[in-house]
C-alpha atoms as a PDB file:
ATOM      1  CA  UNK A   1      13.343 -16.772 -26.503  1.00  0.00           C
ATOM      2  CA  UNK A   2      10.069 -18.452 -25.421  1.00  0.00           C
ATOM      3  CA  UNK A   3       6.784 -17.338 -26.987  1.00  0.00           C
ATOM      4  CA  UNK A   4       5.134 -15.902 -23.840  1.00  0.00           C
ATOM      5  CA  UNK A   5       1.324 -15.558 -23.522  1.00  0.00           C
ATOM      6  CA  UNK A   6       0.686 -13.616 -20.307  1.00  0.00           C
ATOM      7  CA  UNK A   7      -2.296 -13.231 -18.085  1.00  0.00           C
ATOM      8  CA  UNK A   8      -1.963 -10.320 -15.735  1.00  0.00           C
ATOM      9  CA  UNK A   9      -3.859 -10.151 -12.428  1.00  0.00           C
ATOM     10  CA  UNK A  10      -4.234  -6.933 -10.376  1.00  0.00           C
ATOM     11  CA  UNK A  11      -6.580  -4.234  -9.135  1.00  0.00           C
ATOM     12  CA  UNK A  12      -5.285  -0.825  -7.832  1.00  0.00           C
ATOM     13  CA  UNK A  13      -3.171   1.932  -9.406  1.00  0.00           C
ATOM     14  CA  UNK A  14       0.038   0.258  -8.223  1.00  0.00           C
ATOM     15  CA  UNK A  15      -0.763  -2.670 -10.587  1.00  0.00           C
ATOM     16  CA  UNK A  16      -1.675  -0.378 -13.514  1.00  0.00           C
ATOM     17  CA  UNK A  17       1.866   0.946 -13.791  1.00  0.00           C
ATOM     18  CA  UNK A  18       3.277  -2.556 -14.069  1.00  0.00           C
ATOM     19  CA  UNK A  19       0.629  -3.615 -16.666  1.00  0.00           C
ATOM     20  CA  UNK A  20       1.233  -0.393 -18.640  1.00  0.00           C
ATOM     21  CA  UNK A  21       4.945  -1.032 -18.712  1.00  0.00           C
ATOM     22  CA  UNK A  22       4.394  -4.576 -20.055  1.00  0.00           C
ATOM     23  CA  UNK A  23       2.007  -3.291 -22.687  1.00  0.00           C
ATOM     24  CA  UNK A  24       4.381  -0.517 -23.765  1.00  0.00           C
ATOM     25  CA  UNK A  25       7.192  -3.032 -24.148  1.00  0.00           C
ATOM     26  CA  UNK A  26       4.980  -5.071 -26.433  1.00  0.00           C
ATOM     27  CA  UNK A  27       4.657  -8.258 -24.296  1.00  0.00           C
ATOM     28  CA  UNK A  28       1.735 -10.444 -25.370  1.00  0.00           C
ATOM     29  CA  UNK A  29      -0.971  -9.890 -22.731  1.00  0.00           C
ATOM     30  CA  UNK A  30      -3.751 -12.353 -23.608  1.00  0.00           C
ATOM     31  CA  UNK A  31      -6.010 -11.504 -20.604  1.00  0.00           C
ATOM     32  CA  UNK A  32      -6.370  -9.349 -17.498  1.00  0.00           C
ATOM     33  CA  UNK A  33      -8.093 -10.521 -14.297  1.00  0.00           C
ATOM     34  CA  UNK A  34      -9.255  -7.841 -11.941  1.00  0.00           C
ATOM     35  CA  UNK A  35     -11.861  -7.305  -9.152  1.00  0.00           C
ATOM     36  CA  UNK A  36     -15.578  -7.127 -10.011  1.00  0.00           C
ATOM     37  CA  UNK A  37     -17.131  -3.543 -10.281  1.00  0.00           C
ATOM     38  CA  UNK A  38     -18.313  -2.260  -6.915  1.00  0.00           C
ATOM     39  CA  UNK A  39     -21.017   0.273  -6.051  1.00  0.00           C
ATOM     40  CA  UNK A  40     -19.362   3.449  -4.582  1.00  0.00           C
ATOM     41  CA  UNK A  41     -20.347   6.848  -3.448  1.00  0.00           C
ATOM     42  CA  UNK A  42     -23.720   8.295  -2.640  1.00  0.00           C
ATOM     43  CA  UNK A  43     -25.216   7.360  -5.950  1.00  0.00           C
ATOM     44  CA  UNK A  44     -23.972   3.783  -5.558  1.00  0.00           C
ATOM     45  CA  UNK A  45     -22.616   3.924  -9.134  1.00  0.00           C
ATOM     46  CA  UNK A  46     -20.599   0.972 -10.196  1.00  0.00           C
ATOM     47  CA  UNK A  47     -16.886   1.722  -9.795  1.00  0.00           C
ATOM     48  CA  UNK A  48     -14.425  -0.001 -12.035  1.00  0.00           C
ATOM     49  CA  UNK A  49     -10.935  -0.926 -10.777  1.00  0.00           C
ATOM     50  CA  UNK A  50      -7.928   1.144 -11.999  1.00  0.00           C
ATOM     51  CA  UNK A  51      -6.627  -1.953 -13.780  1.00  0.00           C
ATOM     52  CA  UNK A  52      -9.936  -2.548 -15.622  1.00  0.00           C
ATOM     53  CA  UNK A  53     -10.080   1.018 -16.815  1.00  0.00           C
ATOM     54  CA  UNK A  54      -6.558   0.838 -18.237  1.00  0.00           C
ATOM     55  CA  UNK A  55      -7.102  -2.636 -19.760  1.00  0.00           C
ATOM     56  CA  UNK A  56     -10.266  -1.546 -21.495  1.00  0.00           C
ATOM     57  CA  UNK A  57      -8.428   1.530 -22.905  1.00  0.00           C
ATOM     58  CA  UNK A  58      -5.926  -0.880 -24.465  1.00  0.00           C
ATOM     59  CA  UNK A  59      -8.556  -3.302 -25.844  1.00  0.00           C
ATOM     60  CA  UNK A  60      -7.300  -6.111 -23.650  1.00  0.00           C
ATOM     61  CA  UNK A  61      -9.581  -8.984 -22.645  1.00  0.00           C
ATOM     62  CA  UNK A  62     -10.895  -8.451 -19.095  1.00  0.00           C
ATOM     63  CA  UNK A  63     -12.240 -11.098 -16.734  1.00  0.00           C
ATOM     64  CA  UNK A  64     -13.798 -10.105 -13.367  1.00  0.00           C
ATOM     65  CA  UNK A  65     -14.614 -13.303 -11.477  1.00  0.00           C
ATOM     66  CA  UNK A  66     -16.433 -13.126  -8.145  1.00  0.00           C
ATOM     67  CA  UNK A  67     -15.285 -16.644  -7.395  1.00  0.00           C
ATOM     68  CA  UNK A  68     -11.858 -17.721  -8.489  1.00  0.00           C
ATOM     69  CA  UNK A  69     -12.754 -21.387  -8.143  1.00  0.00           C
ATOM     70  CA  UNK A  70     -15.920 -21.306 -10.291  1.00  0.00           C
ATOM     71  CA  UNK A  71     -15.922 -23.746 -13.213  1.00  0.00           C
ATOM     72  CA  UNK A  72     -16.952 -20.990 -15.681  1.00  0.00           C
ATOM     73  CA  UNK A  73     -13.953 -18.831 -14.712  1.00  0.00           C
ATOM     74  CA  UNK A  74     -11.516 -21.798 -14.790  1.00  0.00           C
ATOM     75  CA  UNK A  75     -12.730 -22.709 -18.249  1.00  0.00           C
ATOM     76  CA  UNK A  76     -12.413 -19.164 -19.491  1.00  0.00           C
ATOM     77  CA  UNK A  77      -8.971 -18.831 -18.035  1.00  0.00           C
ATOM     78  CA  UNK A  78      -7.839 -22.028 -19.684  1.00  0.00           C
ATOM     79  CA  UNK A  79      -9.232 -20.867 -23.065  1.00  0.00           C
ATOM     80  CA  UNK A  80      -6.730 -17.956 -22.981  1.00  0.00           C
ATOM     81  CA  UNK A  81      -3.953 -20.580 -23.263  1.00  0.00           C
ATOM     82  CA  UNK A  82      -1.537 -18.423 -21.172  1.00  0.00           C
ATOM     83  CA  UNK A  83       1.828 -19.951 -20.299  1.00  0.00           C
ATOM     84  CA  UNK A  84       2.724 -17.280 -17.670  1.00  0.00           C
ATOM     85  CA  UNK A  85       0.675 -15.419 -15.099  1.00  0.00           C
ATOM     86  CA  UNK A  86       1.755 -12.191 -13.266  1.00  0.00           C
ATOM     87  CA  UNK A  87       0.053 -11.105 -10.052  1.00  0.00           C
ATOM     88  CA  UNK A  88       0.344  -7.594  -8.596  1.00  0.00           C
ATOM     89  CA  UNK A  89      -1.858  -6.473  -5.688  1.00  0.00           C
ATOM     90  CA  UNK A  90      -4.591  -8.995  -6.186  1.00  0.00           C
ATOM     91  CA  UNK A  91      -5.984 -11.738  -3.928  1.00  0.00           C
ATOM     92  CA  UNK A  92      -4.949 -15.235  -2.950  1.00  0.00           C
ATOM     93  CA  UNK A  93      -5.256 -17.603  -5.824  1.00  0.00           C
ATOM     94  CA  UNK A  94      -6.575 -21.180  -5.598  1.00  0.00           C
ATOM     95  CA  UNK A  95      -4.095 -23.938  -6.538  1.00  0.00           C
ATOM     96  CA  UNK A  96      -5.919 -24.758  -9.770  1.00  0.00           C
ATOM     97  CA  UNK A  97      -5.290 -21.147 -10.952  1.00  0.00           C
ATOM     98  CA  UNK A  98      -1.629 -20.553  -9.990  1.00  0.00           C
ATOM     99  CA  UNK A  99      -0.553 -24.038 -11.188  1.00  0.00           C
ATOM    100  CA  UNK A 100      -2.264 -23.612 -14.614  1.00  0.00           C
ATOM    101  CA  UNK A 101       0.419 -21.957 -16.765  1.00  0.00           C
ATOM    102  CA  UNK A 102       3.498 -23.928 -18.026  1.00  0.00           C
ATOM    103  CA  UNK A 103       6.020 -21.315 -16.825  1.00  0.00           C
ATOM    104  CA  UNK A 104       4.327 -20.690 -13.508  1.00  0.00           C
ATOM    105  CA  UNK A 105       2.669 -17.713 -11.749  1.00  0.00           C
ATOM    106  CA  UNK A 106       4.838 -15.048 -10.203  1.00  0.00           C
ATOM    107  CA  UNK A 107       3.927 -12.199  -7.833  1.00  0.00           C
ATOM    108  CA  UNK A 108       5.404  -8.744  -7.299  1.00  0.00           C
ATOM    109  CA  UNK A 109       5.505  -7.839  -3.601  1.00  0.00           C
ATOM    110  CA  UNK A 110       6.468  -4.410  -2.256  1.00  0.00           C
ATOM    111  CA  UNK A 111       8.915  -5.547   0.407  1.00  0.00           C
ATOM    112  CA  UNK A 112      12.171  -7.431   0.735  1.00  0.00           C
ATOM    113  CA  UNK A 113      10.685 -10.803   1.422  1.00  0.00           C
ATOM    114  CA  UNK A 114      10.433 -12.618   3.819  1.00  0.00           C
ATOM    115  CA  UNK A 115      10.006  -9.300   5.658  1.00  0.00           C
ATOM    116  CA  UNK A 116       6.571  -7.674   5.596  1.00  0.00           C
ATOM    117  CA  UNK A 117       4.462 -10.466   4.117  1.00  0.00           C
ATOM    118  CA  UNK A 118       0.863  -9.291   4.014  1.00  0.00           C
ATOM    119  CA  UNK A 119      -1.517  -6.718   2.716  1.00  0.00           C
ATOM    120  CA  UNK A 120       0.205  -3.397   3.633  1.00  0.00           C
ATOM    121  CA  UNK A 121       3.965  -3.741   3.349  1.00  0.00           C
ATOM    122  CA  UNK A 122       4.750  -0.194   2.251  1.00  0.00           C
ATOM    123  CA  UNK A 123       2.837   1.298   5.192  1.00  0.00           C
ATOM    124  CA  UNK A 124       4.339  -0.982   7.868  1.00  0.00           C
ATOM    125  CA  UNK A 125       7.954  -0.468   6.688  1.00  0.00           C
ATOM    126  CA  UNK A 126       7.605   3.260   7.475  1.00  0.00           C
ATOM    127  CA  UNK A 127       5.456   2.803  10.572  1.00  0.00           C
ATOM    128  CA  UNK A 128       8.188   0.541  12.021  1.00  0.00           C
ATOM    129  CA  UNK A 129      10.873   3.088  11.216  1.00  0.00           C
ATOM    130  CA  UNK A 130      12.757   0.978   8.597  1.00  0.00           C
ATOM    131  CA  UNK A 131      15.552   2.722   6.690  1.00  0.00           C
ATOM    132  CA  UNK A 132      15.284   0.428   3.666  1.00  0.00           C
ATOM    133  CA  UNK A 133      12.757  -1.629   1.736  1.00  0.00           C
ATOM    134  CA  UNK A 134      12.339  -2.874  -1.793  1.00  0.00           C
ATOM    135  CA  UNK A 135      10.456  -5.091  -4.221  1.00  0.00           C
ATOM    136  CA  UNK A 136      10.508  -8.875  -4.738  1.00  0.00           C
ATOM    137  CA  UNK A 137       9.325 -11.159  -7.467  1.00  0.00           C
ATOM    138  CA  UNK A 138       8.633 -14.719  -6.401  1.00  0.00           C
ATOM    139  CA  UNK A 139       6.778 -17.791  -7.732  1.00  0.00           C
ATOM    140  CA  UNK A 140       3.436 -18.293  -5.944  1.00  0.00           C
ATOM    141  CA  UNK A 141       2.910 -21.385  -3.791  1.00  0.00           C
ATOM    142  CA  UNK A 142       0.028 -22.474  -1.544  1.00  0.00           C
ATOM    143  CA  UNK A 143       0.726 -19.926   1.270  1.00  0.00           C
ATOM    144  CA  UNK A 144       0.754 -16.055   1.309  1.00  0.00           C
ATOM    145  CA  UNK A 145       4.013 -14.491   0.120  1.00  0.00           C
ATOM    146  CA  UNK A 146       6.172 -17.542   0.889  1.00  0.00           C
ATOM    147  CA  UNK A 147       7.205 -18.786  -2.569  1.00  0.00           C
ATOM    148  CA  UNK A 148      10.737 -18.993  -3.980  1.00  0.00           C
ATOM    149  CA  UNK A 149      12.362 -15.644  -4.711  1.00  0.00           C
ATOM    150  CA  UNK A 150      13.223 -14.788  -8.329  1.00  0.00           C
ATOM    151  CA  UNK A 151      14.616 -11.188  -8.007  1.00  0.00           C
ATOM    152  CA  UNK A 152      14.831  -8.413  -5.419  1.00  0.00           C
ATOM    153  CA  UNK A 153      15.706  -4.702  -5.644  1.00  0.00           C
ATOM    154  CA  UNK A 154      16.408  -2.584  -2.558  1.00  0.00           C
ATOM    155  CA  UNK A 155      15.691   1.156  -1.938  1.00  0.00           C
ATOM    156  CA  UNK A 156      16.444   3.519   0.914  1.00  0.00           C
ATOM    157  CA  UNK A 157      13.637   5.105   2.899  1.00  0.00           C
ATOM    158  CA  UNK A 158      14.273   8.790   3.736  1.00  0.00           C
ATOM    159  CA  UNK A 159      13.693   9.865   7.296  1.00  0.00           C
ATOM    160  CA  UNK A 160      10.826  12.251   6.357  1.00  0.00           C
ATOM    161  CA  UNK A 161       9.370  10.196   3.490  1.00  0.00           C
ATOM    162  CA  UNK A 162       5.612   9.586   3.560  1.00  0.00           C
ATOM    163  CA  UNK A 163       3.961   6.463   2.294  1.00  0.00           C
ATOM    164  CA  UNK A 164       2.450   8.119  -0.724  1.00  0.00           C
ATOM    165  CA  UNK A 165       6.029   8.997  -1.971  1.00  0.00           C
ATOM    166  CA  UNK A 166       7.487   5.565  -1.179  1.00  0.00           C
ATOM    167  CA  UNK A 167       4.477   3.831  -2.867  1.00  0.00           C
ATOM    168  CA  UNK A 168       5.283   5.586  -6.178  1.00  0.00           C
ATOM    169  CA  UNK A 169       9.014   4.848  -6.016  1.00  0.00           C
ATOM    170  CA  UNK A 170       8.335   1.164  -5.322  1.00  0.00           C
ATOM    171  CA  UNK A 171       5.682   1.068  -8.118  1.00  0.00           C
ATOM    172  CA  UNK A 172       8.296   2.165 -10.800  1.00  0.00           C
ATOM    173  CA  UNK A 173      11.033   0.015  -9.298  1.00  0.00           C
ATOM    174  CA  UNK A 174       8.556  -2.896  -9.335  1.00  0.00           C
ATOM    175  CA  UNK A 175       7.698  -2.306 -12.992  1.00  0.00           C
ATOM    176  CA  UNK A 176      11.392  -2.683 -13.857  1.00  0.00           C
ATOM    177  CA  UNK A 177      11.752  -5.760 -11.749  1.00  0.00           C
ATOM    178  CA  UNK A 178       8.744  -7.452 -13.408  1.00  0.00           C
ATOM    179  CA  UNK A 179      10.200  -6.771 -16.847  1.00  0.00           C
ATOM    180  CA  UNK A 180      13.507  -8.287 -15.768  1.00  0.00           C
ATOM    181  CA  UNK A 181      11.724 -11.298 -14.361  1.00  0.00           C
ATOM    182  CA  UNK A 182       9.713 -11.858 -17.506  1.00  0.00           C
ATOM    183  CA  UNK A 183      12.823 -11.591 -19.632  1.00  0.00           C
ATOM    184  CA  UNK A 184      14.563 -14.285 -17.481  1.00  0.00           C
ATOM    185  CA  UNK A 185      11.639 -16.568 -17.788  1.00  0.00           C
ATOM    186  CA  UNK A 186      11.474 -15.977 -21.587  1.00  0.00           C
ATOM    187  CA  UNK A 187      15.191 -16.873 -21.909  1.00  0.00           C
ATOM    188  CA  UNK A 188      14.792 -19.922 -19.574  1.00  0.00           C
ATOM    189  CA  UNK A 189      17.369 -18.417 -17.253  1.00  0.00           C
ATOM    190  CA  UNK A 190      15.445 -18.180 -14.029  1.00  0.00           C
ATOM    191  CA  UNK A 191      17.268 -19.148 -10.871  1.00  0.00           C
ATOM    192  CA  UNK A 192      15.198 -19.067  -7.573  1.00  0.00           C
ATOM    193  CA  UNK A 193      16.149 -19.149  -3.959  1.00  0.00           C
ATOM    194  CA  UNK A 194      14.101 -20.206  -0.951  1.00  0.00           C
ATOM    195  CA  UNK A 195      13.042 -17.493   1.377  1.00  0.00           C
ATOM    196  CA  UNK A 196      15.340 -17.401   4.445  1.00  0.00           C
ATOM    197  CA  UNK A 197      13.856 -18.191   7.875  1.00  0.00           C
ATOM    198  CA  UNK A 198      13.789 -14.779   9.651  1.00  0.00           C
ATOM    199  CA  UNK A 199      11.870 -13.503  12.626  1.00  0.00           C
ATOM    200  CA  UNK A 200       8.847 -12.293  10.904  1.00  0.00           C
ATOM    201  CA  UNK A 201       7.969  -8.672  10.492  1.00  0.00           C
ATOM    202  CA  UNK A 202       4.343  -8.703   9.211  1.00  0.00           C
ATOM    203  CA  UNK A 203       2.265  -6.240   7.228  1.00  0.00           C
ATOM    204  CA  UNK A 204      -1.353  -6.863   8.323  1.00  0.00           C
ATOM    205  CA  UNK A 205      -4.260  -5.063   6.733  1.00  0.00           C
ATOM    206  CA  UNK A 206      -4.995  -1.585   7.892  1.00  0.00           C
ATOM    207  CA  UNK A 207      -8.161  -0.986   9.897  1.00  0.00           C
ATOM    208  CA  UNK A 208      -9.325   2.057  11.950  1.00  0.00           C
ATOM    209  CA  UNK A 209      -8.056   0.434  15.151  1.00  0.00           C
ATOM    210  CA  UNK A 210      -4.440   0.124  13.954  1.00  0.00           C
ATOM    211  CA  UNK A 211      -4.418   3.575  12.325  1.00  0.00           C
ATOM    212  CA  UNK A 212      -5.345   5.350  15.554  1.00  0.00           C
ATOM    213  CA  UNK A 213      -2.476   7.419  17.111  1.00  0.00           C
ATOM    214  CA  UNK A 214      -1.225   6.169  20.432  1.00  0.00           C
ATOM    215  CA  UNK A 215       0.016   9.348  22.152  1.00  0.00           C
ATOM    216  CA  UNK A 216       1.761   7.456  24.890  1.00  0.00           C
ATOM    217  CA  UNK A 217       4.410   6.240  22.457  1.00  0.00           C
ATOM    218  CA  UNK A 218       7.744   8.040  21.785  1.00  0.00           C
ATOM    219  CA  UNK A 219       7.924  11.011  19.454  1.00  0.00           C
ATOM    220  CA  UNK A 220       9.757   8.985  16.828  1.00  0.00           C
ATOM    221  CA  UNK A 221       7.116   6.202  16.937  1.00  0.00           C
ATOM    222  CA  UNK A 222       4.215   8.635  16.610  1.00  0.00           C
ATOM    223  CA  UNK A 223       5.920  10.522  13.774  1.00  0.00           C
ATOM    224  CA  UNK A 224       6.602   7.272  11.865  1.00  0.00           C
ATOM    225  CA  UNK A 225       3.037   6.053  12.390  1.00  0.00           C
ATOM    226  CA  UNK A 226       1.614   9.279  10.880  1.00  0.00           C
ATOM    227  CA  UNK A 227       3.986   9.345   7.853  1.00  0.00           C
ATOM    228  CA  UNK A 228       3.383   5.638   7.273  1.00  0.00           C
ATOM    229  CA  UNK A 229      -0.281   6.373   6.815  1.00  0.00           C
ATOM    230  CA  UNK A 230      -0.014   9.724   4.884  1.00  0.00           C
ATOM    231  CA  UNK A 231      -2.020  10.267   2.642  1.00  0.00           C
ATOM    232  CA  UNK A 232      -3.884   6.971   2.808  1.00  0.00           C
ATOM    233  CA  UNK A 233      -5.669   5.682   4.848  1.00  0.00           C
ATOM    234  CA  UNK A 234      -4.396   8.471   7.292  1.00  0.00           C
ATOM    235  CA  UNK A 235      -3.641   8.279  10.962  1.00  0.00           C
ATOM    236  CA  UNK A 236      -6.432   9.525  13.203  1.00  0.00           C
ATOM    237  CA  UNK A 237      -7.176  10.774  16.691  1.00  0.00           C
ATOM    238  CA  UNK A 238      -9.980  12.162  18.808  1.00  0.00           C
ATOM    239  CA  UNK A 239      -9.676  15.764  19.959  1.00  0.00           C
ATOM    240  CA  UNK A 240     -11.539  16.751  23.086  1.00  0.00           C
ATOM    241  CA  UNK A 241     -12.121  20.530  23.175  1.00  0.00           C
ATOM    242  CA  UNK A 242     -14.570  21.665  25.898  1.00  0.00           C
ATOM    243  CA  UNK A 243     -17.626  19.372  25.709  1.00  0.00           C
ATOM    244  CA  UNK A 244     -16.931  18.441  22.080  1.00  0.00           C
ATOM    245  CA  UNK A 245     -15.122  15.409  20.787  1.00  0.00           C
ATOM    246  CA  UNK A 246     -13.880  15.716  17.234  1.00  0.00           C
ATOM    247  CA  UNK A 247     -12.401  13.034  15.066  1.00  0.00           C
ATOM    248  CA  UNK A 248      -9.372  14.273  13.154  1.00  0.00           C
ATOM    249  CA  UNK A 249      -7.089  12.815  10.521  1.00  0.00           C
ATOM    250  CA  UNK A 250      -3.482  13.942  10.799  1.00  0.00           C
ATOM    251  CA  UNK A 251      -1.186  14.369   7.804  1.00  0.00           C
ATOM    252  CA  UNK A 252       1.934  16.583   7.741  1.00  0.00           C
ATOM    253  CA  UNK A 253       3.880  16.653  11.014  1.00  0.00           C
ATOM    254  CA  UNK A 254       7.240  17.631  12.440  1.00  0.00           C
ATOM    255  CA  UNK A 255       9.158  16.534  15.535  1.00  0.00           C
ATOM    256  CA  UNK A 256      10.293  18.852  18.318  1.00  0.00           C
ATOM    257  CA  UNK A 257      12.335  17.145  20.984  1.00  0.00           C
ATOM    258  CA  UNK A 258      12.179  19.053  24.343  1.00  0.00           C
ATOM    259  CA  UNK A 259      11.848  18.371  28.012  1.00  0.00           C
ATOM    260  CA  UNK A 260       8.666  19.723  29.507  1.00  0.00           C
ATOM    261  CA  UNK A 261       6.238  19.322  32.399  1.00  0.00           C
ATOM    262  CA  UNK A 262       2.999  19.214  30.509  1.00  0.00           C
ATOM    263  CA  UNK A 263       0.512  16.323  30.595  1.00  0.00           C
ATOM    264  CA  UNK A 264       0.862  13.948  27.609  1.00  0.00           C
ATOM    265  CA  UNK A 265      -1.872  14.666  25.049  1.00  0.00           C
ATOM    266  CA  UNK A 266      -2.325  18.366  25.830  1.00  0.00           C
ATOM    267  CA  UNK A 267      -2.837  20.548  22.777  1.00  0.00           C
ATOM    268  CA  UNK A 268      -0.814  23.835  22.649  1.00  0.00           C
ATOM    269  CA  UNK A 269      -1.808  26.466  20.081  1.00  0.00           C
ATOM    270  CA  UNK A 270      -0.752  29.896  18.911  1.00  0.00           C
ATOM    271  CA  UNK A 271      -2.224  31.798  15.980  1.00  0.00           C
ATOM    272  CA  UNK A 272      -0.028  29.930  13.619  1.00  0.00           C
ATOM    273  CA  UNK A 273       0.922  26.682  15.345  1.00  0.00           C
ATOM    274  CA  UNK A 274      -0.683  23.568  16.859  1.00  0.00           C
ATOM    275  CA  UNK A 275       1.320  20.993  18.720  1.00  0.00           C
ATOM    276  CA  UNK A 276       0.581  18.008  20.870  1.00  0.00           C
ATOM    277  CA  UNK A 277       2.520  17.204  23.984  1.00  0.00           C
ATOM    278  CA  UNK A 278       4.229  13.746  23.926  1.00  0.00           C
ATOM    279  CA  UNK A 279       6.619  12.213  26.461  1.00  0.00           C
ATOM    280  CA  UNK A 280       9.865  13.380  24.837  1.00  0.00           C
ATOM    281  CA  UNK A 281       8.745  16.594  23.236  1.00  0.00           C
ATOM    282  CA  UNK A 282       6.038  17.960  20.917  1.00  0.00           C
ATOM    283  CA  UNK A 283       4.423  16.721  17.690  1.00  0.00           C
ATOM    284  CA  UNK A 284       3.947  19.816  15.546  1.00  0.00           C
ATOM    285  CA  UNK A 285       0.878  19.294  13.269  1.00  0.00           C
ATOM    286  CA  UNK A 286       1.194  21.020   9.901  1.00  0.00           C
ATOM    287  CA  UNK A 287      -1.831  19.571   8.033  1.00  0.00           C
ATOM    288  CA  UNK A 288      -5.018  18.131   9.468  1.00  0.00           C
ATOM    289  CA  UNK A 289      -8.626  17.220   8.474  1.00  0.00           C
ATOM    290  CA  UNK A 290     -11.370  17.601  11.111  1.00  0.00           C
ATOM    291  CA  UNK A 291     -14.368  15.382  10.697  1.00  0.00           C
ATOM    292  CA  UNK A 292     -16.802  16.885   8.151  1.00  0.00           C
ATOM    293  CA  UNK A 293     -14.316  19.546   6.993  1.00  0.00           C
ATOM    294  CA  UNK A 294     -11.678  19.842   4.310  1.00  0.00           C
ATOM    295  CA  UNK A 295      -8.011  18.972   4.795  1.00  0.00           C
ATOM    296  CA  UNK A 296      -6.262  22.169   5.760  1.00  0.00           C
ATOM    297  CA  UNK A 297      -2.832  23.452   6.609  1.00  0.00           C
ATOM    298  CA  UNK A 298      -2.768  24.427  10.265  1.00  0.00           C
ATOM    299  CA  UNK A 299      -2.546  28.227   9.719  1.00  0.00           C
ATOM    300  CA  UNK A 300      -5.768  28.112   7.596  1.00  0.00           C
ATOM    301  CA  UNK A 301      -7.448  25.912  10.279  1.00  0.00           C
ATOM    302  CA  UNK A 302      -6.496  28.228  13.126  1.00  0.00           C
ATOM    303  CA  UNK A 303      -7.827  31.226  11.229  1.00  0.00           C
ATOM    304  CA  UNK A 304     -11.356  29.922  11.519  1.00  0.00           C
ATOM    305  CA  UNK A 305     -11.279  27.480  14.404  1.00  0.00           C
ATOM    306  CA  UNK A 306     -10.141  27.795  17.982  1.00  0.00           C
ATOM    307  CA  UNK A 307      -9.415  25.050  20.589  1.00  0.00           C
ATOM    308  CA  UNK A 308     -10.357  25.374  24.239  1.00  0.00           C
ATOM    309  CA  UNK A 309      -7.387  26.079  26.492  1.00  0.00           C
ATOM    310  CA  UNK A 310      -7.651  22.628  28.108  1.00  0.00           C
ATOM    311  CA  UNK A 311      -8.056  20.740  24.731  1.00  0.00           C
ATOM    312  CA  UNK A 312      -6.405  17.319  24.565  1.00  0.00           C
ATOM    313  CA  UNK A 313      -6.067  14.375  22.255  1.00  0.00           C
ATOM    314  CA  UNK A 314      -7.516  11.071  23.350  1.00  0.00           C
END
């Protein structure tokens, strides 16, 4: 077994679970690289990344470079004398960094590569109505998510699963896969395979424009879009009720297939139900957050808020 000295790179909660698993299994983590602290909230207090908070709690050495190519950072990284680097939900690394360790730098990606390369693979798998996804470890090369595959594990996506649930499943599956990968590297038993050439399904970053609900799509497409963004960053729409236009984030929903003669986008309400007319039925909204208000189940919302009879979504 090789004597591994590991540098771990990551930022969000997803990465913490993987780092925590490595620490609890007594791997030698000689350094943790994470994003610089950022001002957040009204008080503009400095916010530490989830990975930094955990690393500090374990007395691990933490580096937070603003520039991954800076001489100071490169020198400090070299001084850690790591022979393996593990990357989970971080940023693109310059060649000088990923080529540094003797046994390479590998990444954990939350998809079955080569499908869903990019920043938001878990969301896009659900948005696109996939029935399976998984996690992949691969050695980093000079492009994004294109390196040679080490290991993959597959998981089914349930029809009503939301991205928050799938995120957590993949996080724990990913932790197991990283441990398996490290053990193979430690034993010198790694075999890699080139990524197959497939028609690419991409996973671009999520912005307000691609989170907006397109009510002209089919009921299945709208339903998948909403669950693929629930709870974060959340699908949104504009509600026009009388002269008022309200921005709303939509969370829990159900499908109701039915033929009708209503105009697409019309909102239908009773005392306990709110549904939006789409071309092949109705999208029943169970949980919603109107701009400036708390997230509410629909019965609670309709207790204190009423929509005009001609209300629509835009």
